[in-house]
Amino acid sequence: MVFYLLLEFAILAYTPVMCKMRSLTVGTIIGGAGFIFGLILAIMVFKQSATSSLFLLPYLLWSPIGTYVTWEMIWLNPGNS
């Protein structure tokens, strides 16, 4: 359950923390950490129920894309990284 909580905090913190700190680098770090937490959670849940771990698949597919887009925005906005 701790990894569900960590993943939820990473998802909820992404936009507010990134906007409050005005740092795309922080957003990239939070996005990457969220993906890692989600991957660990999916592996842990898979041991109990493969069907349940499939519910995390959309997040695991989208998270790296969102993190990459945030990382690319650093190069488009060099003063706001």
PDB file of N, CA and C in Angstrom:
ATOM      1  N   MET A   1       0.814  -1.199   0.000  1.00  0.00           N
ATOM      2  CA  MET A   1       0.000   0.000   0.000  1.00  0.00           C
ATOM      3  C   MET A   1       0.860   1.266   0.000  1.00  0.00           C
ATOM      4  N   VAL A   2       2.072   1.149   0.505  1.00  0.00           N
ATOM      5  CA  VAL A   2       2.953   2.320   0.541  1.00  0.00           C
ATOM      6  C   VAL A   2       3.263   2.798  -0.869  1.00  0.00           C
ATOM      7  N   PHE A   3       3.447   1.866  -1.806  1.00  0.00           N
ATOM      8  CA  PHE A   3       3.759   2.275  -3.172  1.00  0.00           C
ATOM      9  C   PHE A   3       2.553   2.911  -3.854  1.00  0.00           C
ATOM     10  N   TYR A   4       1.338   2.478  -3.529  1.00  0.00           N
ATOM     11  CA  TYR A   4       0.151   3.158  -4.042  1.00  0.00           C
ATOM     12  C   TYR A   4       0.139   4.605  -3.549  1.00  0.00           C
ATOM     13  N   LEU A   5       0.472   4.800  -2.286  1.00  0.00           N
ATOM     14  CA  LEU A   5       0.507   6.136  -1.709  1.00  0.00           C
ATOM     15  C   LEU A   5       1.604   6.990  -2.346  1.00  0.00           C
ATOM     16  N   LEU A   6       2.796   6.423  -2.531  1.00  0.00           N
ATOM     17  CA  LEU A   6       3.880   7.155  -3.184  1.00  0.00           C
ATOM     18  C   LEU A   6       3.518   7.536  -4.616  1.00  0.00           C
ATOM     19  N   LEU A   7       2.906   6.603  -5.332  1.00  0.00           N
ATOM     20  CA  LEU A   7       2.496   6.888  -6.702  1.00  0.00           C
ATOM     21  C   LEU A   7       1.444   7.984  -6.728  1.00  0.00           C
ATOM     22  N   GLU A   8       0.498   7.933  -5.823  1.00  0.00           N
ATOM     23  CA  GLU A   8      -0.543   8.961  -5.766  1.00  0.00           C
ATOM     24  C   GLU A   8       0.048  10.322  -5.440  1.00  0.00           C
ATOM     25  N   PHE A   9       0.978  10.393  -4.515  1.00  0.00           N
ATOM     26  CA  PHE A   9       1.639  11.657  -4.192  1.00  0.00           C
ATOM     27  C   PHE A   9       2.409  12.204  -5.394  1.00  0.00           C
ATOM     28  N   ALA A  10       3.083  11.327  -6.121  1.00  0.00           N
ATOM     29  CA  ALA A  10       3.832  11.773  -7.302  1.00  0.00           C
ATOM     30  C   ALA A  10       2.884  12.323  -8.371  1.00  0.00           C
ATOM     31  N   ILE A  11       1.765  11.649  -8.567  1.00  0.00           N
ATOM     32  CA  ILE A  11       0.796  12.107  -9.565  1.00  0.00           C
ATOM     33  C   ILE A  11       0.193  13.446  -9.158  1.00  0.00           C
ATOM     34  N   LEU A  12      -0.192  13.553  -7.888  1.00  0.00           N
ATOM     35  CA  LEU A  12      -0.827  14.790  -7.419  1.00  0.00           C
ATOM     36  C   LEU A  12       0.155  15.946  -7.286  1.00  0.00           C
ATOM     37  N   ALA A  13       1.420  15.659  -7.008  1.00  0.00           N
ATOM     38  CA  ALA A  13       2.399  16.711  -6.782  1.00  0.00           C
ATOM     39  C   ALA A  13       2.967  17.280  -8.077  1.00  0.00           C
ATOM     40  N   TYR A  14       2.867  16.552  -9.158  1.00  0.00           N
ATOM     41  CA  TYR A  14       3.530  16.928 -10.408  1.00  0.00           C
ATOM     42  C   TYR A  14       3.233  18.384 -10.808  1.00  0.00           C
ATOM     43  N   THR A  15       1.998  18.701 -11.072  1.00  0.00           N
ATOM     44  CA  THR A  15       1.668  20.040 -11.562  1.00  0.00           C
ATOM     45  C   THR A  15       1.816  21.128 -10.500  1.00  0.00           C
ATOM     46  N   PRO A  16       1.234  20.967  -9.288  1.00  0.00           N
ATOM     47  CA  PRO A  16       1.355  22.056  -8.315  1.00  0.00           C
ATOM     48  C   PRO A  16       2.799  22.375  -7.914  1.00  0.00           C
ATOM     49  N   VAL A  17       3.608  21.349  -7.701  1.00  0.00           N
ATOM     50  CA  VAL A  17       4.990  21.585  -7.275  1.00  0.00           C
ATOM     51  C   VAL A  17       5.796  22.208  -8.415  1.00  0.00           C
ATOM     52  N   MET A  18       5.597  21.680  -9.628  1.00  0.00           N
ATOM     53  CA  MET A  18       6.326  22.221 -10.774  1.00  0.00           C
ATOM     54  C   MET A  18       5.952  23.695 -11.007  1.00  0.00           C
ATOM     55  N   CYS A  19       4.681  24.011 -10.894  1.00  0.00           N
ATOM     56  CA  CYS A  19       4.256  25.398 -11.111  1.00  0.00           C
ATOM     57  C   CYS A  19       4.690  26.302  -9.961  1.00  0.00           C
ATOM     58  N   LYS A  20       4.603  25.808  -8.727  1.00  0.00           N
ATOM     59  CA  LYS A  20       4.988  26.622  -7.570  1.00  0.00           C
ATOM     60  C   LYS A  20       6.483  26.939  -7.594  1.00  0.00           C
ATOM     61  N   MET A  21       7.289  25.947  -7.972  1.00  0.00           N
ATOM     62  CA  MET A  21       8.737  26.151  -8.009  1.00  0.00           C
ATOM     63  C   MET A  21       9.193  26.758  -9.339  1.00  0.00           C
ATOM     64  N   ARG A  22       8.298  26.804 -10.314  1.00  0.00           N
ATOM     65  CA  ARG A  22       8.610  27.325 -11.648  1.00  0.00           C
ATOM     66  C   ARG A  22       9.853  26.657 -12.230  1.00  0.00           C
ATOM     67  N   SER A  23       9.844  25.311 -12.128  1.00  0.00           N
ATOM     68  CA  SER A  23      11.004  24.550 -12.575  1.00  0.00           C
ATOM     69  C   SER A  23      10.550  23.312 -13.338  1.00  0.00           C
ATOM     70  N   LEU A  24      10.881  23.291 -14.617  1.00  0.00           N
ATOM     71  CA  LEU A  24      10.570  22.116 -15.423  1.00  0.00           C
ATOM     72  C   LEU A  24      11.454  20.931 -15.037  1.00  0.00           C
ATOM     73  N   THR A  25      12.619  21.212 -14.514  1.00  0.00           N
ATOM     74  CA  THR A  25      13.503  20.144 -14.054  1.00  0.00           C
ATOM     75  C   THR A  25      12.861  19.384 -12.904  1.00  0.00           C
ATOM     76  N   VAL A  26      12.240  20.098 -11.988  1.00  0.00           N
ATOM     77  CA  VAL A  26      11.542  19.457 -10.870  1.00  0.00           C
ATOM     78  C   VAL A  26      10.399  18.600 -11.409  1.00  0.00           C
ATOM     79  N   GLY A  27       9.683  19.097 -12.400  1.00  0.00           N
ATOM     80  CA  GLY A  27       8.608  18.318 -13.009  1.00  0.00           C
ATOM     81  C   GLY A  27       9.119  17.046 -13.656  1.00  0.00           C
ATOM     82  N   THR A  28      10.269  17.128 -14.304  1.00  0.00           N
ATOM     83  CA  THR A  28      10.864  15.942 -14.918  1.00  0.00           C
ATOM     84  C   THR A  28      11.261  14.925 -13.858  1.00  0.00           C
ATOM     85  N   ILE A  29      11.821  15.384 -12.768  1.00  0.00           N
ATOM     86  CA  ILE A  29      12.223  14.485 -11.683  1.00  0.00           C
ATOM     87  C   ILE A  29      10.999  13.815 -11.062  1.00  0.00           C
ATOM     88  N   ILE A  30       9.955  14.586 -10.804  1.00  0.00           N
ATOM     89  CA  ILE A  30       8.735  14.015 -10.225  1.00  0.00           C
ATOM     90  C   ILE A  30       8.103  13.011 -11.191  1.00  0.00           C
ATOM     91  N   GLY A  31       8.081  13.351 -12.477  1.00  0.00           N
ATOM     92  CA  GLY A  31       7.530  12.428 -13.469  1.00  0.00           C
ATOM     93  C   GLY A  31       8.309  11.132 -13.549  1.00  0.00           C
ATOM     94  N   GLY A  32       9.628  11.225 -13.526  1.00  0.00           N
ATOM     95  CA  GLY A  32      10.468  10.023 -13.550  1.00  0.00           C
ATOM     96  C   GLY A  32      10.293   9.183 -12.295  1.00  0.00           C
ATOM     97  N   ALA A  33      10.210   9.852 -11.157  1.00  0.00           N
ATOM     98  CA  ALA A  33      10.007   9.120  -9.899  1.00  0.00           C
ATOM     99  C   ALA A  33       8.655   8.428  -9.897  1.00  0.00           C
ATOM    100  N   GLY A  34       7.641   9.089 -10.433  1.00  0.00           N
ATOM    101  CA  GLY A  34       6.316   8.478 -10.523  1.00  0.00           C
ATOM    102  C   GLY A  34       6.329   7.227 -11.384  1.00  0.00           C
ATOM    103  N   PHE A  35       7.059   7.281 -12.493  1.00  0.00           N
ATOM    104  CA  PHE A  35       7.162   6.098 -13.346  1.00  0.00           C
ATOM    105  C   PHE A  35       7.850   4.952 -12.619  1.00  0.00           C
ATOM    106  N   ILE A  36       8.913   5.264 -11.910  1.00  0.00           N
ATOM    107  CA  ILE A  36       9.639   4.220 -11.176  1.00  0.00           C
ATOM    108  C   ILE A  36       8.757   3.612 -10.085  1.00  0.00           C
ATOM    109  N   PHE A  37       8.041   4.465  -9.333  1.00  0.00           N
ATOM    110  CA  PHE A  37       7.121   3.949  -8.315  1.00  0.00           C
ATOM    111  C   PHE A  37       6.039   3.086  -8.955  1.00  0.00           C
ATOM    112  N   GLY A  38       5.513   3.531 -10.088  1.00  0.00           N
ATOM    113  CA  GLY A  38       4.475   2.762 -10.780  1.00  0.00           C
ATOM    114  C   GLY A  38       4.989   1.426 -11.278  1.00  0.00           C
ATOM    115  N   LEU A  39       6.205   1.397 -11.775  1.00  0.00           N
ATOM    116  CA  LEU A  39       6.789   0.154 -12.262  1.00  0.00           C
ATOM    117  C   LEU A  39       7.027  -0.830 -11.118  1.00  0.00           C
ATOM    118  N   ILE A  40       7.561  -0.341 -10.015  1.00  0.00           N
ATOM    119  CA  ILE A  40       7.761  -1.195  -8.841  1.00  0.00           C
ATOM    120  C   ILE A  40       6.419  -1.723  -8.348  1.00  0.00           C
ATOM    121  N   LEU A  41       5.422  -0.854  -8.308  1.00  0.00           N
ATOM    122  CA  LEU A  41       4.097  -1.260  -7.856  1.00  0.00           C
ATOM    123  C   LEU A  41       3.504  -2.320  -8.781  1.00  0.00           C
ATOM    124  N   ALA A  42       3.643  -2.132 -10.088  1.00  0.00           N
ATOM    125  CA  ALA A  42       3.102  -3.110 -11.042  1.00  0.00           C
ATOM    126  C   ALA A  42       3.771  -4.475 -10.863  1.00  0.00           C
ATOM    127  N   ILE A  43       5.055  -4.471 -10.627  1.00  0.00           N
ATOM    128  CA  ILE A  43       5.768  -5.743 -10.412  1.00  0.00           C
ATOM    129  C   ILE A  43       5.304  -6.405  -9.119  1.00  0.00           C
ATOM    130  N   MET A  44       5.152  -5.605  -8.080  1.00  0.00           N
ATOM    131  CA  MET A  44       4.712  -6.162  -6.804  1.00  0.00           C
ATOM    132  C   MET A  44       3.282  -6.694  -6.890  1.00  0.00           C
ATOM    133  N   VAL A  45       2.407  -5.978  -7.578  1.00  0.00           N
ATOM    134  CA  VAL A  45       1.016  -6.396  -7.706  1.00  0.00           C
ATOM    135  C   VAL A  45       0.907  -7.609  -8.625  1.00  0.00           C
ATOM    136  N   PHE A  46       1.762  -7.680  -9.634  1.00  0.00           N
ATOM    137  CA  PHE A  46       1.725  -8.797 -10.585  1.00  0.00           C
ATOM    138  C   PHE A  46       1.909 -10.139  -9.884  1.00  0.00           C
ATOM    139  N   LYS A  47       2.692 -10.142  -8.820  1.00  0.00           N
ATOM    140  CA  LYS A  47       2.908 -11.381  -8.074  1.00  0.00           C
ATOM    141  C   LYS A  47       1.611 -11.880  -7.448  1.00  0.00           C
ATOM    142  N   GLN A  48       0.709 -10.961  -7.129  1.00  0.00           N
ATOM    143  CA  GLN A  48      -0.568 -11.331  -6.516  1.00  0.00           C
ATOM    144  C   GLN A  48      -1.659 -11.558  -7.561  1.00  0.00           C
ATOM    145  N   SER A  49      -1.721 -10.644  -8.551  1.00  0.00           N
ATOM    146  CA  SER A  49      -2.783 -10.707  -9.545  1.00  0.00           C
ATOM    147  C   SER A  49      -2.323 -10.019 -10.822  1.00  0.00           C
ATOM    148  N   ALA A  50      -2.184 -10.783 -11.875  1.00  0.00           N
ATOM    149  CA  ALA A  50      -1.757 -10.221 -13.155  1.00  0.00           C
ATOM    150  C   ALA A  50      -2.805  -9.267 -13.704  1.00  0.00           C
ATOM    151  N   THR A  51      -4.067  -9.576 -13.497  1.00  0.00           N
ATOM    152  CA  THR A  51      -5.142  -8.706 -13.982  1.00  0.00           C
ATOM    153  C   THR A  51      -5.073  -7.338 -13.313  1.00  0.00           C
ATOM    154  N   SER A  52      -4.817  -7.318 -12.021  1.00  0.00           N
ATOM    155  CA  SER A  52      -4.736  -6.046 -11.295  1.00  0.00           C
ATOM    156  C   SER A  52      -3.568  -5.197 -11.774  1.00  0.00           C
ATOM    157  N   SER A  53      -2.469  -5.837 -12.088  1.00  0.00           N
ATOM    158  CA  SER A  53      -1.314  -5.061 -12.552  1.00  0.00           C
ATOM    159  C   SER A  53      -1.565  -4.458 -13.933  1.00  0.00           C
ATOM    160  N   LEU A  54      -2.458  -5.060 -14.707  1.00  0.00           N
ATOM    161  CA  LEU A  54      -2.789  -4.497 -16.023  1.00  0.00           C
ATOM    162  C   LEU A  54      -3.480  -3.136 -15.912  1.00  0.00           C
ATOM    163  N   PHE A  55      -4.125  -2.883 -14.779  1.00  0.00           N
ATOM    164  CA  PHE A  55      -4.759  -1.580 -14.585  1.00  0.00           C
ATOM    165  C   PHE A  55      -3.731  -0.454 -14.473  1.00  0.00           C
ATOM    166  N   LEU A  56      -2.502  -0.783 -14.144  1.00  0.00           N
ATOM    167  CA  LEU A  56      -1.437   0.216 -14.093  1.00  0.00           C
ATOM    168  C   LEU A  56      -0.779   0.434 -15.451  1.00  0.00           C
ATOM    169  N   LEU A  57      -1.087  -0.410 -16.416  1.00  0.00           N
ATOM    170  CA  LEU A  57      -0.456  -0.319 -17.733  1.00  0.00           C
ATOM    171  C   LEU A  57      -0.673   1.028 -18.424  1.00  0.00           C
ATOM    172  N   PRO A  58      -1.884   1.606 -18.428  1.00  0.00           N
ATOM    173  CA  PRO A  58      -2.036   2.922 -19.070  1.00  0.00           C
ATOM    174  C   PRO A  58      -1.126   3.994 -18.461  1.00  0.00           C
ATOM    175  N   TYR A  59      -0.994   3.979 -17.139  1.00  0.00           N
ATOM    176  CA  TYR A  59      -0.104   4.943 -16.490  1.00  0.00           C
ATOM    177  C   TYR A  59       1.341   4.693 -16.882  1.00  0.00           C
ATOM    178  N   LEU A  60       1.738   3.419 -16.917  1.00  0.00           N
ATOM    179  CA  LEU A  60       3.122   3.085 -17.269  1.00  0.00           C
ATOM    180  C   LEU A  60       3.437   3.412 -18.724  1.00  0.00           C
ATOM    181  N   LEU A  61       2.444   3.431 -19.572  1.00  0.00           N
ATOM    182  CA  LEU A  61       2.661   3.825 -20.968  1.00  0.00           C
ATOM    183  C   LEU A  61       2.694   5.340 -21.124  1.00  0.00           C
ATOM    184  N   TRP A  62       1.854   6.045 -20.373  1.00  0.00           N
ATOM    185  CA  TRP A  62       1.767   7.491 -20.539  1.00  0.00           C
ATOM    186  C   TRP A  62       2.847   8.243 -19.762  1.00  0.00           C
ATOM    187  N   SER A  63       3.215   7.777 -18.600  1.00  0.00           N
ATOM    188  CA  SER A  63       4.158   8.491 -17.740  1.00  0.00           C
ATOM    189  C   SER A  63       5.483   8.817 -18.423  1.00  0.00           C
ATOM    190  N   PRO A  64       6.128   7.893 -19.121  1.00  0.00           N
ATOM    191  CA  PRO A  64       7.387   8.257 -19.787  1.00  0.00           C
ATOM    192  C   PRO A  64       7.183   9.297 -20.891  1.00  0.00           C
ATOM    193  N   ILE A  65       6.032   9.253 -21.551  1.00  0.00           N
ATOM    194  CA  ILE A  65       5.759  10.242 -22.600  1.00  0.00           C
ATOM    195  C   ILE A  65       5.613  11.625 -21.980  1.00  0.00           C
ATOM    196  N   GLY A  66       4.837  11.721 -20.901  1.00  0.00           N
ATOM    197  CA  GLY A  66       4.670  13.006 -20.223  1.00  0.00           C
ATOM    198  C   GLY A  66       5.966  13.530 -19.641  1.00  0.00           C
ATOM    199  N   THR A  67       6.779  12.637 -19.088  1.00  0.00           N
ATOM    200  CA  THR A  67       8.072  13.039 -18.536  1.00  0.00           C
ATOM    201  C   THR A  67       8.995  13.523 -19.645  1.00  0.00           C
ATOM    202  N   TYR A  68       8.992  12.834 -20.776  1.00  0.00           N
ATOM    203  CA  TYR A  68       9.827  13.251 -21.905  1.00  0.00           C
ATOM    204  C   TYR A  68       9.390  14.616 -22.445  1.00  0.00           C
ATOM    205  N   VAL A  69       8.091  14.843 -22.534  1.00  0.00           N
ATOM    206  CA  VAL A  69       7.596  16.142 -23.012  1.00  0.00           C
ATOM    207  C   VAL A  69       8.030  17.253 -22.064  1.00  0.00           C
ATOM    208  N   THR A  70       7.931  16.996 -20.758  1.00  0.00           N
ATOM    209  CA  THR A  70       8.377  17.996 -19.779  1.00  0.00           C
ATOM    210  C   THR A  70       9.871  18.257 -19.935  1.00  0.00           C
ATOM    211  N   TRP A  71      10.651  17.214 -20.138  1.00  0.00           N
ATOM    212  CA  TRP A  71      12.099  17.353 -20.324  1.00  0.00           C
ATOM    213  C   TRP A  71      12.402  18.162 -21.582  1.00  0.00           C
ATOM    214  N   GLU A  72      11.666  17.925 -22.652  1.00  0.00           N
ATOM    215  CA  GLU A  72      11.887  18.669 -23.894  1.00  0.00           C
ATOM    216  C   GLU A  72      11.531  20.144 -23.724  1.00  0.00           C
ATOM    217  N   MET A  73      10.547  20.442 -22.873  1.00  0.00           N
ATOM    218  CA  MET A  73      10.169  21.843 -22.645  1.00  0.00           C
ATOM    219  C   MET A  73      11.291  22.628 -21.980  1.00  0.00           C
ATOM    220  N   ILE A  74      12.192  21.932 -21.282  1.00  0.00           N
ATOM    221  CA  ILE A  74      13.342  22.620 -20.676  1.00  0.00           C
ATOM    222  C   ILE A  74      14.158  23.302 -21.764  1.00  0.00           C
ATOM    223  N   TRP A  75      14.362  22.620 -22.896  1.00  0.00           N
ATOM    224  CA  TRP A  75      15.174  23.165 -23.983  1.00  0.00           C
ATOM    225  C   TRP A  75      14.431  24.273 -24.723  1.00  0.00           C
ATOM    226  N   LEU A  76      13.100  24.249 -24.692  1.00  0.00           N
ATOM    227  CA  LEU A  76      12.321  25.300 -25.340  1.00  0.00           C
ATOM    228  C   LEU A  76      12.213  26.553 -24.475  1.00  0.00           C
ATOM    229  N   ASN A  77      12.369  26.382 -23.162  1.00  0.00           N
ATOM    230  CA  ASN A  77      12.278  27.490 -22.204  1.00  0.00           C
ATOM    231  C   ASN A  77      13.511  27.494 -21.311  1.00  0.00           C
ATOM    232  N   PRO A  78      14.673  27.848 -21.834  1.00  0.00           N
ATOM    233  CA  PRO A  78      15.905  27.708 -21.036  1.00  0.00           C
ATOM    234  C   PRO A  78      15.918  28.539 -19.761  1.00  0.00           C
ATOM    235  N   GLY A  79      15.193  29.610 -19.700  1.00  0.00           N
ATOM    236  CA  GLY A  79      15.195  30.437 -18.497  1.00  0.00           C
ATOM    237  C   GLY A  79      14.316  29.887 -17.392  1.00  0.00           C
ATOM    238  N   ASN A  80      13.463  28.928 -17.719  1.00  0.00           N
ATOM    239  CA  ASN A  80      12.520  28.401 -16.734  1.00  0.00           C
ATOM    240  C   ASN A  80      12.843  26.992 -16.274  1.00  0.00           C
ATOM    241  N   SER A  81      14.062  26.566 -16.460  1.00  0.00           N
ATOM    242  CA  SER A  81      14.382  25.196 -16.066  1.00  0.00           C
ATOM    243  C   SER A  81      14.735  25.173 -14.599  1.00  0.00           C
TER     244      SER A  81
END
